Amino acid sequence: MRLKSSIWVSAYVRRCDVEGAFAAVRRRGAEEAGAIFIKLNRLDGTGVLYGPAAQAMIDEARSSDRLFSVLMGQGAPTAEADIEARLTRELKFDSDIWIVEVEDRKGRHFLDDALV
């Protein structure tokens, strides 16, 4: 069984705080199963956007895990304006999404094993 989105986000924000990075929930989505997007703000006008991994990338052994993939900024950080435009499009498609913004100059995302 997968954790509720609200519980996962709360734990993620706490993890970022413990590691010394500022994290804030910019938008609360559906409590139970809203999609979660993580915007990593590098505080230099660039960032990286992480979002739910495509179902094709998830094997049965990890089907209950919440997994993420890089949506923007894979090779090099992307301009913040481009990330914001993508988030706006995502909101038009699904109004139940969560947006968490992490500010870290070092580019740490704290997603560890959840990144595919």
N, C-alpha and C. Protein backbone atom coordinates (compact mmCIF):
# COMPACT_ATOMS: atom_id res chain seq x y z
N MET A 1 0.84 -1.18 0.00
CA MET A 1 0.00 0.00 0.00
C MET A 1 0.89 1.25 0.00
N ARG A 2 0.54 2.22 -0.77
CA ARG A 2 1.31 3.45 -0.91
C ARG A 2 0.89 4.45 0.18
N LEU A 3 1.89 5.19 0.68
CA LEU A 3 1.61 6.25 1.66
C LEU A 3 0.74 7.33 1.03
N LYS A 4 -0.10 7.96 1.85
CA LYS A 4 -0.86 9.11 1.37
C LYS A 4 0.13 10.20 0.96
N SER A 5 -0.26 10.96 -0.04
CA SER A 5 0.60 12.05 -0.52
C SER A 5 0.93 13.02 0.59
N SER A 6 -0.04 13.35 1.43
CA SER A 6 0.19 14.32 2.50
C SER A 6 1.24 13.83 3.49
N ILE A 7 1.24 12.56 3.80
CA ILE A 7 2.23 11.99 4.73
C ILE A 7 3.60 11.97 4.08
N TRP A 8 3.67 11.56 2.81
CA TRP A 8 4.96 11.51 2.11
C TRP A 8 5.58 12.91 2.04
N VAL A 9 4.78 13.91 1.68
CA VAL A 9 5.29 15.28 1.56
C VAL A 9 5.78 15.78 2.91
N SER A 10 5.03 15.52 3.96
CA SER A 10 5.43 15.95 5.30
C SER A 10 6.78 15.35 5.68
N ALA A 11 6.96 14.07 5.42
CA ALA A 11 8.23 13.40 5.74
C ALA A 11 9.36 13.95 4.87
N TYR A 12 9.09 14.22 3.61
CA TYR A 12 10.11 14.75 2.70
C TYR A 12 10.57 16.13 3.14
N VAL A 13 9.64 17.00 3.50
CA VAL A 13 10.00 18.35 3.96
C VAL A 13 10.84 18.25 5.23
N ARG A 14 10.47 17.37 6.12
CA ARG A 14 11.26 17.18 7.35
C ARG A 14 12.67 16.69 7.02
N ARG A 15 12.79 15.77 6.08
CA ARG A 15 14.10 15.26 5.68
C ARG A 15 14.98 16.39 5.15
N CYS A 16 14.42 17.24 4.31
CA CYS A 16 15.17 18.37 3.77
C CYS A 16 15.63 19.29 4.89
N ASP A 17 14.75 19.57 5.83
CA ASP A 17 15.09 20.43 6.97
C ASP A 17 16.24 19.84 7.78
N VAL A 18 16.18 18.54 8.03
CA VAL A 18 17.24 17.86 8.80
C VAL A 18 18.58 17.97 8.09
N GLU A 19 18.55 17.91 6.75
CA GLU A 19 19.78 17.97 5.96
C GLU A 19 20.29 19.40 5.77
N GLY A 20 19.53 20.39 6.26
CA GLY A 20 19.98 21.77 6.18
C GLY A 20 19.52 22.53 4.95
N ALA A 21 18.55 22.01 4.23
CA ALA A 21 18.00 22.69 3.06
C ALA A 21 16.60 23.18 3.41
N PHE A 22 16.23 24.32 2.85
CA PHE A 22 14.88 24.85 3.07
C PHE A 22 13.93 24.18 2.10
N ALA A 23 12.80 23.69 2.59
CA ALA A 23 11.77 23.09 1.74
C ALA A 23 10.42 23.62 2.19
N ALA A 24 9.56 23.90 1.21
CA ALA A 24 8.23 24.40 1.52
C ALA A 24 7.22 23.80 0.56
N VAL A 25 6.03 23.57 1.07
CA VAL A 25 4.94 23.11 0.23
C VAL A 25 4.32 24.35 -0.41
N ARG A 26 4.48 24.47 -1.70
CA ARG A 26 3.92 25.61 -2.44
C ARG A 26 2.47 25.41 -2.78
N ARG A 27 2.09 24.16 -2.96
CA ARG A 27 0.70 23.85 -3.32
C ARG A 27 0.33 22.50 -2.76
N ARG A 28 -0.77 22.49 -2.02
CA ARG A 28 -1.30 21.24 -1.48
C ARG A 28 -2.25 20.62 -2.49
N GLY A 29 -2.06 19.36 -2.76
CA GLY A 29 -2.92 18.64 -3.69
C GLY A 29 -3.86 17.71 -2.95
N ALA A 30 -4.29 16.70 -3.62
CA ALA A 30 -5.19 15.71 -3.02
C ALA A 30 -4.47 14.97 -1.90
N GLU A 31 -5.10 14.89 -0.74
CA GLU A 31 -4.50 14.27 0.45
C GLU A 31 -4.09 12.82 0.20
N GLU A 32 -4.94 12.07 -0.44
CA GLU A 32 -4.73 10.63 -0.59
C GLU A 32 -3.71 10.27 -1.66
N ALA A 33 -3.91 10.78 -2.87
CA ALA A 33 -3.10 10.28 -3.98
C ALA A 33 -2.73 11.35 -5.00
N GLY A 34 -2.60 12.59 -4.59
CA GLY A 34 -2.21 13.63 -5.53
C GLY A 34 -0.79 13.43 -6.01
N ALA A 35 -0.54 13.69 -7.29
CA ALA A 35 0.81 13.58 -7.84
C ALA A 35 1.70 14.65 -7.19
N ILE A 36 2.96 14.30 -6.96
CA ILE A 36 3.89 15.20 -6.28
C ILE A 36 4.99 15.63 -7.25
N PHE A 37 5.23 16.94 -7.31
CA PHE A 37 6.30 17.50 -8.11
C PHE A 37 7.27 18.21 -7.17
N ILE A 38 8.56 17.97 -7.35
CA ILE A 38 9.60 18.58 -6.53
C ILE A 38 10.38 19.53 -7.41
N LYS A 39 10.38 20.82 -7.04
CA LYS A 39 11.19 21.81 -7.76
C LYS A 39 12.42 22.08 -6.91
N LEU A 40 13.58 21.78 -7.46
CA LEU A 40 14.85 22.06 -6.79
C LEU A 40 15.34 23.41 -7.28
N ASN A 41 15.31 24.39 -6.42
CA ASN A 41 15.75 25.74 -6.74
C ASN A 41 17.20 25.88 -6.31
N ARG A 42 18.09 26.13 -7.27
CA ARG A 42 19.52 26.23 -6.96
C ARG A 42 19.94 27.65 -6.54
N LEU A 43 18.95 28.54 -6.41
CA LEU A 43 19.17 29.91 -5.93
C LEU A 43 20.09 30.73 -6.84
N ASP A 44 20.17 30.35 -8.10
CA ASP A 44 20.94 31.12 -9.08
C ASP A 44 20.12 31.36 -10.35
N GLY A 45 18.80 31.21 -10.24
CA GLY A 45 17.93 31.39 -11.39
C GLY A 45 17.69 30.11 -12.17
N THR A 46 18.27 29.00 -11.71
CA THR A 46 18.09 27.72 -12.38
C THR A 46 17.58 26.68 -11.39
N GLY A 47 17.16 25.56 -11.92
CA GLY A 47 16.68 24.49 -11.06
C GLY A 47 16.48 23.20 -11.83
N VAL A 48 15.91 22.25 -11.12
CA VAL A 48 15.61 20.93 -11.68
C VAL A 48 14.20 20.59 -11.23
N LEU A 49 13.42 19.96 -12.11
CA LEU A 49 12.07 19.55 -11.77
C LEU A 49 11.98 18.03 -11.78
N TYR A 50 11.48 17.50 -10.67
CA TYR A 50 11.26 16.06 -10.53
C TYR A 50 9.76 15.83 -10.45
N GLY A 51 9.31 14.77 -11.08
CA GLY A 51 7.90 14.44 -11.05
C GLY A 51 7.71 12.94 -10.99
N PRO A 52 6.46 12.50 -10.94
CA PRO A 52 6.19 11.07 -10.85
C PRO A 52 6.82 10.31 -12.02
N ALA A 53 7.45 9.19 -11.71
CA ALA A 53 8.06 8.36 -12.75
C ALA A 53 6.96 7.71 -13.60
N ALA A 54 7.25 7.53 -14.86
CA ALA A 54 6.31 6.86 -15.75
C ALA A 54 6.07 5.43 -15.27
N GLN A 55 4.86 4.97 -15.41
CA GLN A 55 4.50 3.62 -14.96
C GLN A 55 5.38 2.54 -15.61
N ALA A 56 5.83 2.79 -16.82
CA ALA A 56 6.68 1.81 -17.53
C ALA A 56 8.03 1.63 -16.83
N MET A 57 8.44 2.61 -16.03
CA MET A 57 9.73 2.54 -15.35
C MET A 57 9.65 1.84 -14.00
N ILE A 58 8.46 1.45 -13.58
CA ILE A 58 8.26 0.87 -12.26
C ILE A 58 8.07 -0.63 -12.40
N ASP A 59 8.92 -1.40 -11.69
CA ASP A 59 8.76 -2.86 -11.72
C ASP A 59 7.83 -3.29 -10.59
N GLU A 60 7.39 -4.53 -10.63
CA GLU A 60 6.42 -5.01 -9.64
C GLU A 60 6.96 -4.99 -8.22
N ALA A 61 8.25 -5.16 -8.05
CA ALA A 61 8.83 -5.18 -6.72
C ALA A 61 8.72 -3.82 -6.03
N ARG A 62 8.64 -2.75 -6.82
CA ARG A 62 8.56 -1.39 -6.26
C ARG A 62 7.24 -0.71 -6.60
N SER A 63 6.23 -1.46 -6.94
CA SER A 63 4.97 -0.87 -7.41
C SER A 63 4.27 -0.03 -6.35
N SER A 64 4.55 -0.26 -5.07
CA SER A 64 3.91 0.54 -4.03
C SER A 64 4.75 1.74 -3.61
N ASP A 65 5.99 1.83 -4.12
CA ASP A 65 6.86 2.96 -3.79
C ASP A 65 6.47 4.19 -4.61
N ARG A 66 6.74 5.34 -4.06
CA ARG A 66 6.55 6.59 -4.80
C ARG A 66 7.89 6.88 -5.47
N LEU A 67 7.93 6.83 -6.80
CA LEU A 67 9.17 7.00 -7.55
C LEU A 67 9.11 8.26 -8.40
N PHE A 68 10.28 8.87 -8.59
CA PHE A 68 10.38 10.13 -9.33
C PHE A 68 11.40 10.01 -10.45
N SER A 69 11.23 10.87 -11.45
CA SER A 69 12.22 10.99 -12.51
C SER A 69 12.43 12.48 -12.79
N VAL A 70 13.54 12.78 -13.43
CA VAL A 70 13.84 14.17 -13.77
C VAL A 70 12.98 14.55 -14.97
N LEU A 71 12.20 15.61 -14.81
CA LEU A 71 11.35 16.09 -15.91
C LEU A 71 12.03 17.21 -16.68
N MET A 72 12.78 18.04 -15.97
CA MET A 72 13.50 19.15 -16.59
C MET A 72 14.81 19.35 -15.85
N GLY A 73 15.90 19.58 -16.60
CA GLY A 73 17.18 19.86 -15.97
C GLY A 73 18.07 18.64 -15.82
N GLN A 74 17.89 17.64 -16.66
CA GLN A 74 18.66 16.40 -16.55
C GLN A 74 20.17 16.62 -16.65
N GLY A 75 20.63 17.21 -17.71
CA GLY A 75 22.07 17.40 -17.90
C GLY A 75 22.61 18.62 -17.20
N ALA A 76 21.87 19.69 -17.29
CA ALA A 76 22.25 20.95 -16.65
C ALA A 76 20.97 21.60 -16.12
N PRO A 77 21.08 22.35 -15.04
CA PRO A 77 19.88 23.00 -14.51
C PRO A 77 19.17 23.86 -15.56
N THR A 78 17.85 23.94 -15.44
CA THR A 78 16.99 24.65 -16.38
C THR A 78 16.59 26.00 -15.78
N ALA A 79 16.30 26.97 -16.61
CA ALA A 79 15.85 28.28 -16.13
C ALA A 79 14.56 28.12 -15.33
N GLU A 80 14.49 28.86 -14.22
CA GLU A 80 13.31 28.79 -13.35
C GLU A 80 12.03 29.11 -14.09
N ALA A 81 12.07 30.06 -15.01
CA ALA A 81 10.87 30.44 -15.75
C ALA A 81 10.32 29.25 -16.55
N ASP A 82 11.21 28.45 -17.11
CA ASP A 82 10.78 27.27 -17.87
C ASP A 82 10.14 26.24 -16.95
N ILE A 83 10.71 26.06 -15.77
CA ILE A 83 10.14 25.12 -14.80
C ILE A 83 8.75 25.59 -14.36
N GLU A 84 8.61 26.89 -14.10
CA GLU A 84 7.32 27.44 -13.69
C GLU A 84 6.28 27.27 -14.79
N ALA A 85 6.69 27.43 -16.03
CA ALA A 85 5.76 27.24 -17.16
C ALA A 85 5.29 25.79 -17.21
N ARG A 86 6.20 24.86 -16.97
CA ARG A 86 5.83 23.43 -16.97
C ARG A 86 4.87 23.13 -15.84
N LEU A 87 5.12 23.70 -14.65
CA LEU A 87 4.23 23.47 -13.51
C LEU A 87 2.84 24.05 -13.79
N THR A 88 2.77 25.17 -14.46
CA THR A 88 1.49 25.76 -14.83
C THR A 88 0.72 24.83 -15.76
N ARG A 89 1.42 24.24 -16.72
CA ARG A 89 0.77 23.28 -17.63
C ARG A 89 0.28 22.05 -16.87
N GLU A 90 1.10 21.57 -15.92
CA GLU A 90 0.70 20.40 -15.12
C GLU A 90 -0.56 20.70 -14.32
N LEU A 91 -0.64 21.92 -13.76
CA LEU A 91 -1.82 22.32 -12.98
C LEU A 91 -3.08 22.38 -13.85
N LYS A 92 -2.93 22.80 -15.09
CA LYS A 92 -4.08 22.83 -15.99
C LYS A 92 -4.56 21.42 -16.30
N PHE A 93 -3.62 20.49 -16.37
CA PHE A 93 -3.95 19.10 -16.66
C PHE A 93 -4.55 18.39 -15.45
N ASP A 94 -3.99 18.66 -14.25
CA ASP A 94 -4.43 17.99 -13.03
C ASP A 94 -4.36 18.99 -11.87
N SER A 95 -5.50 19.39 -11.38
CA SER A 95 -5.54 20.41 -10.31
C SER A 95 -5.25 19.83 -8.93
N ASP A 96 -5.05 18.53 -8.82
CA ASP A 96 -4.80 17.89 -7.52
C ASP A 96 -3.33 17.64 -7.22
N ILE A 97 -2.41 18.29 -7.95
CA ILE A 97 -0.99 18.02 -7.74
C ILE A 97 -0.44 18.77 -6.52
N TRP A 98 0.62 18.23 -5.97
CA TRP A 98 1.39 18.86 -4.91
C TRP A 98 2.64 19.47 -5.55
N ILE A 99 3.05 20.63 -5.06
CA ILE A 99 4.32 21.22 -5.50
C ILE A 99 5.13 21.53 -4.26
N VAL A 100 6.30 20.92 -4.18
CA VAL A 100 7.23 21.16 -3.08
C VAL A 100 8.46 21.82 -3.67
N GLU A 101 8.90 22.92 -3.08
CA GLU A 101 10.10 23.60 -3.56
C GLU A 101 11.20 23.47 -2.53
N VAL A 102 12.35 23.01 -3.00
CA VAL A 102 13.53 22.85 -2.16
C VAL A 102 14.57 23.85 -2.62
N GLU A 103 15.13 24.60 -1.69
CA GLU A 103 16.20 25.55 -2.03
C GLU A 103 17.52 25.00 -1.52
N ASP A 104 18.44 24.73 -2.46
CA ASP A 104 19.74 24.20 -2.09
C ASP A 104 20.76 24.55 -3.17
N ARG A 105 21.74 25.35 -2.81
CA ARG A 105 22.77 25.76 -3.78
C ARG A 105 23.58 24.58 -4.31
N LYS A 106 23.73 23.54 -3.51
CA LYS A 106 24.51 22.37 -3.91
C LYS A 106 23.73 21.46 -4.85
N GLY A 107 22.45 21.68 -5.00
CA GLY A 107 21.65 20.86 -5.91
C GLY A 107 21.23 19.52 -5.33
N ARG A 108 21.18 19.41 -4.01
CA ARG A 108 20.78 18.15 -3.38
C ARG A 108 19.26 18.02 -3.42
N HIS A 109 18.79 16.85 -3.84
CA HIS A 109 17.34 16.64 -3.96
C HIS A 109 16.76 15.75 -2.88
N PHE A 110 17.56 14.95 -2.22
CA PHE A 110 17.15 14.09 -1.11
C PHE A 110 16.11 13.04 -1.50
N LEU A 111 16.05 12.68 -2.76
CA LEU A 111 15.11 11.66 -3.21
C LEU A 111 15.73 10.26 -3.14
N ASP A 112 17.03 10.17 -3.03
CA ASP A 112 17.76 8.92 -2.84
C ASP A 112 17.24 7.78 -3.72
N ASP A 113 16.73 6.73 -3.09
CA ASP A 113 16.28 5.54 -3.83
C ASP A 113 14.98 5.75 -4.58
N ALA A 114 14.34 6.88 -4.41
CA ALA A 114 13.07 7.13 -5.08
C ALA A 114 13.25 7.69 -6.49
N LEU A 115 14.50 7.90 -6.90
CA LEU A 115 14.78 8.48 -8.21
C LEU A 115 15.13 7.38 -9.20
N VAL A 116 14.38 7.33 -10.31
CA VAL A 116 14.66 6.33 -11.36
C VAL A 116 14.99 7.01 -12.66
